[in-house]
N, C-alpha and C. Protein backbone atom coordinates (compact mmCIF):
# COMPACT_ATOMS: atom_id res chain seq x y z
N MET A 1 70.60 35.61 -43.93
CA MET A 1 70.40 36.52 -43.07
C MET A 1 69.02 36.95 -43.28
N ALA A 2 68.47 37.55 -42.48
CA ALA A 2 67.26 38.30 -42.71
C ALA A 2 67.48 40.19 -42.65
N ASP A 3 66.52 40.53 -43.16
CA ASP A 3 66.69 41.84 -43.65
C ASP A 3 66.06 42.66 -42.73
N ALA A 4 67.16 43.56 -41.89
CA ALA A 4 66.88 44.20 -40.81
C ALA A 4 65.72 45.07 -40.97
N ARG A 5 65.80 46.05 -42.35
CA ARG A 5 64.95 47.27 -42.47
C ARG A 5 63.45 46.41 -43.14
N GLN A 6 63.32 45.40 -43.75
CA GLN A 6 62.37 44.73 -44.08
C GLN A 6 61.52 44.16 -42.60
N LEU A 7 61.97 43.99 -41.93
CA LEU A 7 61.69 43.50 -41.03
C LEU A 7 60.96 44.60 -40.12
N LEU A 8 61.66 45.31 -39.91
CA LEU A 8 61.26 46.69 -39.30
C LEU A 8 60.15 47.00 -40.04
N GLU A 9 59.76 47.31 -40.81
CA GLU A 9 59.02 47.79 -41.73
C GLU A 9 57.53 47.20 -41.74
N ASP A 10 58.09 45.78 -41.77
CA ASP A 10 56.93 44.20 -41.16
C ASP A 10 56.38 44.82 -40.03
N TYR A 11 57.20 44.94 -38.75
CA TYR A 11 57.02 45.31 -37.48
C TYR A 11 55.75 46.70 -37.60
N VAL A 12 56.41 47.73 -37.57
CA VAL A 12 56.11 48.96 -37.27
C VAL A 12 54.49 49.05 -38.62
N SER A 13 54.53 48.37 -39.46
CA SER A 13 53.19 48.33 -40.38
C SER A 13 52.28 47.52 -39.92
N THR A 14 52.52 46.67 -39.20
CA THR A 14 51.58 45.76 -38.19
C THR A 14 51.07 45.72 -36.70
N GLY A 15 52.18 46.78 -36.40
CA GLY A 15 51.82 47.37 -35.22
C GLY A 15 50.67 48.11 -34.71
N LYS A 16 49.90 47.62 -33.32
CA LYS A 16 48.76 48.29 -33.13
C LYS A 16 49.02 49.71 -32.45
N VAL A 17 49.55 49.49 -31.16
CA VAL A 17 49.88 50.72 -30.14
C VAL A 17 51.21 50.87 -30.17
N MET A 18 51.36 52.23 -30.20
CA MET A 18 52.80 52.54 -29.87
C MET A 18 53.23 53.40 -28.33
N GLN A 19 54.16 53.12 -27.76
CA GLN A 19 54.29 53.88 -26.90
C GLN A 19 55.41 55.51 -27.35
N VAL A 20 54.78 56.42 -26.68
CA VAL A 20 55.63 57.52 -27.22
C VAL A 20 56.02 58.34 -25.44
N ALA A 21 57.02 58.55 -25.68
CA ALA A 21 57.57 59.13 -24.40
C ALA A 21 58.09 61.21 -25.01
N THR A 22 57.33 62.02 -24.53
CA THR A 22 57.45 63.23 -24.23
C THR A 22 57.98 63.71 -23.12
N LEU A 23 58.57 65.32 -23.47
CA LEU A 23 59.02 65.90 -22.17
C LEU A 23 58.64 66.80 -21.78
N ASN A 24 57.97 66.73 -20.19
CA ASN A 24 57.10 67.87 -19.69
C ASN A 24 57.87 69.19 -19.18
N ASP A 25 57.39 69.91 -19.14
CA ASP A 25 57.94 71.17 -18.81
C ASP A 25 58.95 71.35 -17.49
N GLU A 26 59.43 70.04 -16.99
CA GLU A 26 60.54 70.27 -16.46
C GLU A 26 61.43 69.40 -16.94
N GLY A 27 61.09 68.83 -18.34
CA GLY A 27 62.57 67.89 -19.05
C GLY A 27 62.48 66.31 -18.59
N ALA A 28 61.47 66.06 -17.71
CA ALA A 28 61.14 64.57 -17.66
C ALA A 28 60.55 63.82 -18.51
N PRO A 29 60.96 62.73 -18.95
CA PRO A 29 60.19 61.91 -19.68
C PRO A 29 58.69 61.40 -19.18
N VAL A 30 57.70 61.69 -20.08
CA VAL A 30 56.62 60.80 -19.95
C VAL A 30 56.09 60.01 -20.75
N VAL A 31 55.64 58.85 -20.47
CA VAL A 31 55.47 57.92 -21.65
C VAL A 31 53.68 57.98 -21.40
N CYS A 32 53.31 57.87 -23.11
CA CYS A 32 51.75 57.61 -23.17
C CYS A 32 51.70 56.32 -24.29
N ASN A 33 50.73 55.76 -24.46
CA ASN A 33 50.40 54.57 -25.38
C ASN A 33 49.25 55.16 -25.96
N VAL A 34 49.57 55.22 -27.81
CA VAL A 34 48.56 55.42 -28.67
C VAL A 34 48.51 54.91 -29.76
N TRP A 35 46.97 54.61 -30.30
CA TRP A 35 46.96 53.88 -31.71
C TRP A 35 47.99 54.97 -33.00
N PHE A 36 48.60 54.27 -33.46
CA PHE A 36 48.84 54.60 -34.63
C PHE A 36 48.64 54.13 -36.08
N ALA A 37 49.34 55.03 -36.96
CA ALA A 37 49.60 54.56 -38.30
C ALA A 37 50.66 55.29 -39.04
N SER A 38 51.16 54.39 -40.05
CA SER A 38 52.56 54.71 -40.66
C SER A 38 52.87 54.92 -41.92
N THR A 39 53.63 55.79 -42.16
CA THR A 39 54.03 55.95 -43.65
C THR A 39 55.62 55.54 -43.45
N LEU A 40 56.28 54.69 -44.59
CA LEU A 40 57.49 54.31 -44.31
C LEU A 40 58.15 54.76 -45.94
N ALA A 41 58.92 55.98 -45.77
CA ALA A 41 60.14 56.37 -46.78
C ALA A 41 59.32 57.41 -47.38
N PRO A 42 59.03 58.58 -46.60
CA PRO A 42 59.69 58.38 -45.24
C PRO A 42 59.30 58.13 -44.54
N ASP A 43 59.96 57.88 -43.27
CA ASP A 43 59.31 57.26 -42.13
C ASP A 43 58.49 58.47 -41.21
N ARG A 44 57.47 57.77 -40.98
CA ARG A 44 56.66 58.91 -40.12
C ARG A 44 55.34 58.03 -39.57
N LEU A 45 55.27 58.82 -38.13
CA LEU A 45 54.24 58.03 -37.53
C LEU A 45 53.01 58.88 -36.94
N TYR A 46 51.59 58.52 -37.29
CA TYR A 46 50.93 59.46 -36.94
C TYR A 46 50.09 58.84 -35.93
N PHE A 47 49.37 59.63 -35.11
CA PHE A 47 48.65 59.31 -33.97
C PHE A 47 47.66 60.37 -33.54
N ILE A 48 46.24 60.55 -33.40
CA ILE A 48 45.78 61.15 -32.76
C ILE A 48 45.13 61.42 -31.45
N SER A 49 44.96 62.43 -31.03
CA SER A 49 44.99 62.53 -29.56
C SER A 49 44.09 64.14 -29.57
N ARG A 50 43.58 64.37 -28.11
CA ARG A 50 43.10 65.62 -27.67
C ARG A 50 43.95 66.59 -27.50
N PRO A 51 43.89 67.72 -28.03
CA PRO A 51 45.36 68.75 -27.64
C PRO A 51 45.08 68.91 -26.41
N THR A 52 44.25 68.72 -25.39
CA THR A 52 44.62 68.34 -23.89
C THR A 52 44.94 67.84 -23.39
N ARG A 53 45.47 66.90 -23.77
CA ARG A 53 46.18 65.83 -23.33
C ARG A 53 47.43 66.09 -22.62
N PHE A 54 48.32 65.62 -22.04
CA PHE A 54 49.69 66.05 -21.06
C PHE A 54 50.75 65.77 -22.65
N HIS A 55 50.54 64.63 -22.95
CA HIS A 55 51.36 64.41 -24.17
C HIS A 55 51.65 65.51 -25.30
N SER A 56 50.24 65.87 -25.83
CA SER A 56 50.15 66.83 -26.84
C SER A 56 50.27 68.60 -26.42
N ALA A 57 50.72 68.67 -25.07
CA ALA A 57 50.61 70.19 -24.51
C ALA A 57 52.61 69.66 -24.61
N ASN A 58 52.98 68.79 -24.19
CA ASN A 58 54.62 68.38 -24.39
C ASN A 58 54.63 68.49 -25.61
N ILE A 59 54.27 68.23 -26.94
CA ILE A 59 54.67 68.16 -28.14
C ILE A 59 54.76 69.46 -28.60
N ARG A 60 53.79 70.49 -28.26
CA ARG A 60 53.91 71.80 -28.12
C ARG A 60 55.05 72.37 -27.85
N ARG A 61 55.37 71.86 -26.81
CA ARG A 61 56.60 72.55 -26.16
C ARG A 61 57.57 72.31 -26.72
N ASP A 62 58.08 71.13 -26.91
CA ASP A 62 59.63 70.21 -27.03
C ASP A 62 59.24 69.20 -27.78
N SER A 63 59.44 69.33 -29.11
CA SER A 63 59.23 68.41 -30.45
C SER A 63 59.52 67.04 -30.25
N ARG A 64 60.95 66.73 -29.21
CA ARG A 64 61.76 65.99 -29.23
C ARG A 64 60.95 64.77 -28.63
N VAL A 65 60.71 63.58 -29.41
CA VAL A 65 60.04 62.32 -28.79
C VAL A 65 60.97 60.85 -28.99
N ALA A 66 60.27 60.16 -28.07
CA ALA A 66 61.21 58.75 -28.38
C ALA A 66 60.10 57.82 -28.08
N GLY A 67 60.00 56.79 -28.57
CA GLY A 67 59.14 55.68 -28.37
C GLY A 67 58.93 54.21 -28.73
N SER A 68 58.10 53.28 -28.83
CA SER A 68 58.62 51.97 -29.31
C SER A 68 56.98 51.30 -29.66
N VAL A 69 57.37 50.10 -30.69
CA VAL A 69 56.37 49.54 -30.80
C VAL A 69 56.62 48.34 -30.82
N LEU A 70 55.72 47.14 -30.41
CA LEU A 70 56.35 45.87 -29.86
C LEU A 70 55.22 44.96 -30.65
N ALA A 71 55.95 44.05 -31.46
CA ALA A 71 55.40 43.57 -32.49
C ALA A 71 54.87 41.68 -32.36
N ILE A 72 54.77 41.63 -30.93
CA ILE A 72 54.60 40.18 -30.87
C ILE A 72 53.02 40.61 -29.77
N ASP A 73 52.25 38.94 -29.80
CA ASP A 73 51.44 38.87 -28.70
C ASP A 73 52.04 38.51 -27.77
N LEU A 74 51.68 39.10 -26.51
CA LEU A 74 52.38 38.51 -25.35
C LEU A 74 51.49 37.60 -24.69
N THR A 75 52.26 36.55 -24.47
CA THR A 75 51.75 35.24 -23.62
C THR A 75 52.63 34.80 -22.61
N GLU A 76 53.83 35.04 -22.74
CA GLU A 76 54.20 34.42 -21.47
C GLU A 76 55.98 35.14 -21.08
N LEU A 77 56.46 35.14 -19.99
CA LEU A 77 57.77 35.62 -19.76
C LEU A 77 58.80 34.79 -20.54
N GLY A 78 60.19 35.51 -21.23
CA GLY A 78 60.54 34.39 -21.97
C GLY A 78 60.64 34.33 -23.12
N GLN A 79 59.62 34.50 -23.97
CA GLN A 79 59.20 34.39 -25.26
C GLN A 79 60.34 35.43 -26.16
N ASP A 80 60.70 35.22 -27.24
CA ASP A 80 61.34 36.28 -27.93
C ASP A 80 60.69 37.29 -28.48
N VAL A 81 61.47 38.39 -27.91
CA VAL A 81 60.83 39.97 -28.36
C VAL A 81 61.45 40.36 -29.66
N ARG A 82 60.14 40.95 -30.33
CA ARG A 82 60.64 41.46 -31.58
C ARG A 82 59.75 43.01 -31.52
N GLY A 83 60.28 43.85 -31.90
CA GLY A 83 59.82 45.18 -31.91
C GLY A 83 60.71 46.21 -32.19
N ALA A 84 60.42 47.31 -32.38
CA ALA A 84 61.32 48.53 -32.94
C ALA A 84 61.14 49.78 -31.82
N THR A 85 62.21 50.48 -31.61
CA THR A 85 62.20 51.94 -30.84
C THR A 85 63.05 52.55 -31.93
N PHE A 86 62.52 54.27 -31.48
CA PHE A 86 62.86 55.28 -32.41
C PHE A 86 63.08 56.53 -31.88
N THR A 87 63.77 57.31 -32.37
CA THR A 87 63.68 58.74 -32.02
C THR A 87 63.08 59.73 -32.97
N GLY A 88 62.93 60.81 -32.64
CA GLY A 88 62.30 61.69 -33.76
C GLY A 88 61.85 63.08 -33.27
N SER A 89 61.10 63.57 -34.11
CA SER A 89 60.29 64.90 -33.85
C SER A 89 59.03 65.03 -33.74
N ALA A 90 57.86 65.32 -33.05
CA ALA A 90 56.55 65.17 -33.79
C ALA A 90 56.29 66.72 -33.67
N VAL A 91 54.82 66.91 -34.41
CA VAL A 91 54.30 68.06 -34.71
C VAL A 91 52.66 67.73 -34.53
N GLU A 92 51.92 68.51 -33.93
CA GLU A 92 50.48 68.57 -33.93
C GLU A 92 50.46 69.34 -35.50
N LEU A 93 49.66 68.80 -36.12
CA LEU A 93 49.46 69.52 -37.61
C LEU A 93 47.97 70.26 -37.56
N PRO A 94 48.17 71.16 -38.58
CA PRO A 94 47.05 72.01 -38.18
C PRO A 94 45.06 71.31 -38.85
N THR A 95 44.58 72.12 -38.33
CA THR A 95 43.50 71.53 -38.77
C THR A 95 42.41 71.34 -39.93
N THR A 96 43.05 71.88 -40.78
CA THR A 96 43.48 72.20 -42.43
C THR A 96 44.36 71.73 -43.30
N GLY A 97 44.17 71.37 -44.41
CA GLY A 97 45.18 70.83 -45.01
C GLY A 97 46.10 69.55 -45.04
N VAL A 98 45.16 68.88 -44.48
CA VAL A 98 45.70 67.03 -43.44
C VAL A 98 44.92 66.54 -44.11
N ASP A 99 44.32 66.48 -45.36
CA ASP A 99 43.73 65.32 -46.10
C ASP A 99 44.50 64.30 -46.32
N GLU A 100 45.53 63.94 -46.50
CA GLU A 100 46.83 62.78 -46.91
C GLU A 100 46.78 62.30 -45.43
N GLU A 101 47.14 62.91 -44.60
CA GLU A 101 47.17 62.63 -43.01
C GLU A 101 46.25 61.57 -42.73
N ILE A 102 44.72 62.56 -42.64
CA ILE A 102 43.98 61.85 -42.47
C ILE A 102 43.39 60.38 -42.72
N ALA A 103 43.69 60.56 -44.41
CA ALA A 103 43.66 59.49 -44.95
C ALA A 103 44.30 58.03 -44.44
N VAL A 104 45.61 58.49 -44.30
CA VAL A 104 46.61 57.20 -43.57
C VAL A 104 46.00 56.95 -42.29
N PHE A 105 45.70 57.80 -41.26
CA PHE A 105 45.03 57.36 -40.29
C PHE A 105 44.08 56.78 -40.38
N ALA A 106 42.82 57.24 -40.77
CA ALA A 106 41.70 56.58 -41.23
C ALA A 106 41.53 55.29 -41.90
N GLY A 107 42.67 55.09 -42.98
CA GLY A 107 42.88 53.91 -43.69
C GLY A 107 43.07 52.89 -42.71
N ARG A 108 43.82 53.21 -41.98
CA ARG A 108 44.32 51.96 -40.56
C ARG A 108 43.08 51.76 -39.54
N TRP A 109 42.50 52.73 -38.82
CA TRP A 109 41.71 52.77 -38.19
C TRP A 109 40.76 53.17 -38.84
N PRO A 110 39.65 52.78 -39.17
CA PRO A 110 38.29 53.16 -39.86
C PRO A 110 37.46 53.83 -39.22
N ARG A 111 37.06 53.51 -37.64
CA ARG A 111 36.22 53.89 -36.85
C ARG A 111 36.92 55.18 -36.33
N ALA A 112 37.86 55.94 -36.61
CA ALA A 112 38.49 57.10 -36.18
C ALA A 112 37.98 58.20 -37.24
N ALA A 113 37.50 57.54 -38.23
CA ALA A 113 37.23 58.97 -39.25
C ALA A 113 36.24 59.64 -39.05
N ARG A 114 35.28 59.62 -37.95
CA ARG A 114 34.45 60.75 -37.52
C ARG A 114 35.17 61.66 -36.52
N ALA A 115 36.17 61.24 -36.12
CA ALA A 115 37.36 62.08 -34.66
C ALA A 115 37.98 62.51 -35.56
N ILE A 116 38.28 62.22 -36.91
CA ILE A 116 39.13 63.25 -37.69
C ILE A 116 38.89 63.68 -39.08
N ASP A 117 37.32 63.88 -38.97
CA ASP A 117 37.13 64.00 -40.32
C ASP A 117 36.90 65.58 -40.70
N ALA A 118 37.62 65.86 -42.05
CA ALA A 118 38.42 66.97 -42.66
C ALA A 118 37.41 68.50 -42.31
N ARG A 119 36.08 68.29 -42.62
CA ARG A 119 34.99 69.12 -42.18
C ARG A 119 35.12 69.66 -41.09
N ARG A 120 34.80 68.32 -40.34
CA ARG A 120 34.70 68.67 -38.79
C ARG A 120 35.76 69.27 -38.12
N MET A 121 36.99 68.60 -38.65
CA MET A 121 38.50 69.40 -38.05
C MET A 121 38.44 70.96 -38.41
N ALA A 122 38.42 71.43 -39.59
CA ALA A 122 38.32 72.71 -40.19
C ALA A 122 37.28 73.42 -39.41
N ASP A 123 35.82 73.20 -38.87
CA ASP A 123 35.01 73.85 -38.33
C ASP A 123 35.26 73.90 -37.06
N GLY A 124 36.31 72.99 -36.31
CA GLY A 124 36.63 73.30 -34.94
C GLY A 124 35.21 72.53 -34.31
N GLU A 125 34.56 71.72 -35.12
CA GLU A 125 33.66 70.82 -34.35
C GLU A 125 33.99 69.30 -33.67
N ASN A 126 35.45 69.19 -33.77
CA ASN A 126 35.77 68.15 -33.12
C ASN A 126 36.90 68.19 -32.34
N HIS A 127 37.12 66.91 -31.41
CA HIS A 127 38.42 67.11 -30.28
C HIS A 127 39.16 66.69 -30.56
N HIS A 128 39.71 65.92 -31.56
CA HIS A 128 40.93 65.53 -31.68
C HIS A 128 42.06 65.99 -32.68
N ARG A 129 43.25 66.18 -32.95
CA ARG A 129 44.07 66.53 -33.80
C ARG A 129 45.36 65.58 -34.23
N ILE A 130 45.61 65.51 -35.32
CA ILE A 130 46.49 64.59 -35.75
C ILE A 130 47.96 65.06 -35.81
N TYR A 131 48.92 64.16 -34.90
CA TYR A 131 50.03 64.04 -34.81
C TYR A 131 51.05 63.31 -35.91
N ARG A 132 52.08 64.28 -35.89
CA ARG A 132 53.20 63.36 -37.09
C ARG A 132 54.63 63.15 -36.21
N ILE A 133 54.94 62.44 -36.42
CA ILE A 133 56.53 61.92 -35.65
C ILE A 133 57.04 61.99 -36.92
N ASP A 134 58.53 62.39 -37.21
CA ASP A 134 59.20 62.21 -38.13
C ASP A 134 60.48 61.59 -37.50
N VAL A 135 60.49 60.13 -37.83
CA VAL A 135 61.78 59.48 -37.30
C VAL A 135 62.44 59.79 -37.85
N ASP A 136 63.68 59.96 -37.07
CA ASP A 136 65.42 59.89 -37.29
C ASP A 136 66.23 58.89 -36.91
N GLY A 137 65.68 58.05 -36.12
CA GLY A 137 66.73 56.77 -35.86
C GLY A 137 65.81 55.57 -35.45
N TRP A 138 65.83 54.39 -35.72
CA TRP A 138 65.54 53.08 -35.77
C TRP A 138 66.46 52.01 -34.72
N ILE A 139 65.74 51.47 -34.05
CA ILE A 139 66.67 50.60 -33.38
C ILE A 139 65.44 49.19 -33.61
N LEU A 140 65.96 48.19 -34.48
CA LEU A 140 64.86 46.96 -34.29
C LEU A 140 65.76 46.14 -33.57
N PHE A 141 64.79 45.32 -32.92
CA PHE A 141 65.29 44.32 -31.53
C PHE A 141 64.61 43.20 -31.75
N ASP A 142 64.80 42.15 -32.15
CA ASP A 142 64.54 41.23 -32.90
C ASP A 142 65.59 40.03 -32.24
N GLU A 143 64.86 39.06 -31.39
CA GLU A 143 65.51 37.95 -30.64
C GLU A 143 65.44 36.45 -31.28
N GLU A 144 64.33 36.97 -32.30
CA GLU A 144 64.07 35.47 -32.99
C GLU A 144 64.69 35.42 -34.37
N ASN A 145 65.15 36.33 -34.96
CA ASN A 145 65.79 36.84 -36.10
C ASN A 145 67.02 36.84 -36.15
N PHE A 146 67.59 37.31 -35.20
CA PHE A 146 69.04 37.96 -34.75
C PHE A 146 69.35 37.85 -33.41
N PRO A 147 69.38 36.30 -33.05
CA PRO A 147 69.76 35.88 -31.59
C PRO A 147 70.83 36.27 -31.02
N ASP A 148 71.85 36.54 -31.56
CA ASP A 148 73.32 36.51 -31.01
C ASP A 148 73.59 38.23 -30.70
N GLU A 149 72.69 38.90 -31.62
CA GLU A 149 72.61 40.71 -31.42
C GLU A 149 71.18 41.12 -31.86
N PRO A 150 70.58 40.92 -30.96
CA PRO A 150 68.97 41.40 -31.59
C PRO A 150 68.79 42.74 -31.06
N ARG A 151 69.85 43.64 -31.06
CA ARG A 151 69.84 45.19 -31.12
C ARG A 151 70.44 45.60 -32.36
N GLN A 152 69.67 45.75 -33.62
CA GLN A 152 69.90 46.34 -34.91
C GLN A 152 69.34 47.59 -35.53
N PRO A 153 70.35 48.23 -35.32
CA PRO A 153 70.12 50.05 -35.77
C PRO A 153 69.81 49.66 -37.11
N VAL A 154 68.86 50.33 -37.52
CA VAL A 154 68.16 50.39 -38.87
C VAL A 154 68.52 52.20 -39.16
N PRO A 155 68.85 52.99 -40.32
CA PRO A 155 68.29 53.89 -40.42
C PRO A 155 67.35 54.21 -40.69
N ALA A 156 67.18 55.52 -40.74
CA ALA A 156 65.85 55.86 -41.23
C ALA A 156 65.70 56.69 -42.46
N HIS A 157 64.46 56.49 -43.20
CA HIS A 157 64.46 57.02 -44.61
C HIS A 157 63.40 58.44 -44.40
N THR A 158 64.67 59.26 -44.38
CA THR A 158 63.94 60.92 -44.36
C THR A 158 63.72 61.67 -45.59
N ASP A 159 62.94 62.82 -45.64
CA ASP A 159 62.63 63.39 -46.63
C ASP A 159 64.30 63.96 -47.80
């Protein structure tokens, strides 16, 4: 039988875009799509965005988030789905002291290096911030490896 945690780690570390749901000022969910990078153990997801975006303001007001990562290329209706959903808490990181987080994101997406350059961030010369999601729960959804019960809860690795 397949190892659900290992599959989850594979899917999250190779996923390209994640959907993140934040809560607006009325408490309604709002979904956005962002490029992301991850660290696992502890389970953290990182993305960059402008602090003026709705999802950025939502995170500053209420840190609760949920989201998903799809681990397949979509080609046709009816294909086996593989991916993960998560719940957690998000935070907009400061503009200094985030060299490790910059390295994680820019290591995955080298073209983003200028947008989150440490010196430019510290000097207020760029328009992006780094956001971190501390994952507190995962659901692996895998119709290929778990055809009888594709929904597999997987404990999050936290600090």
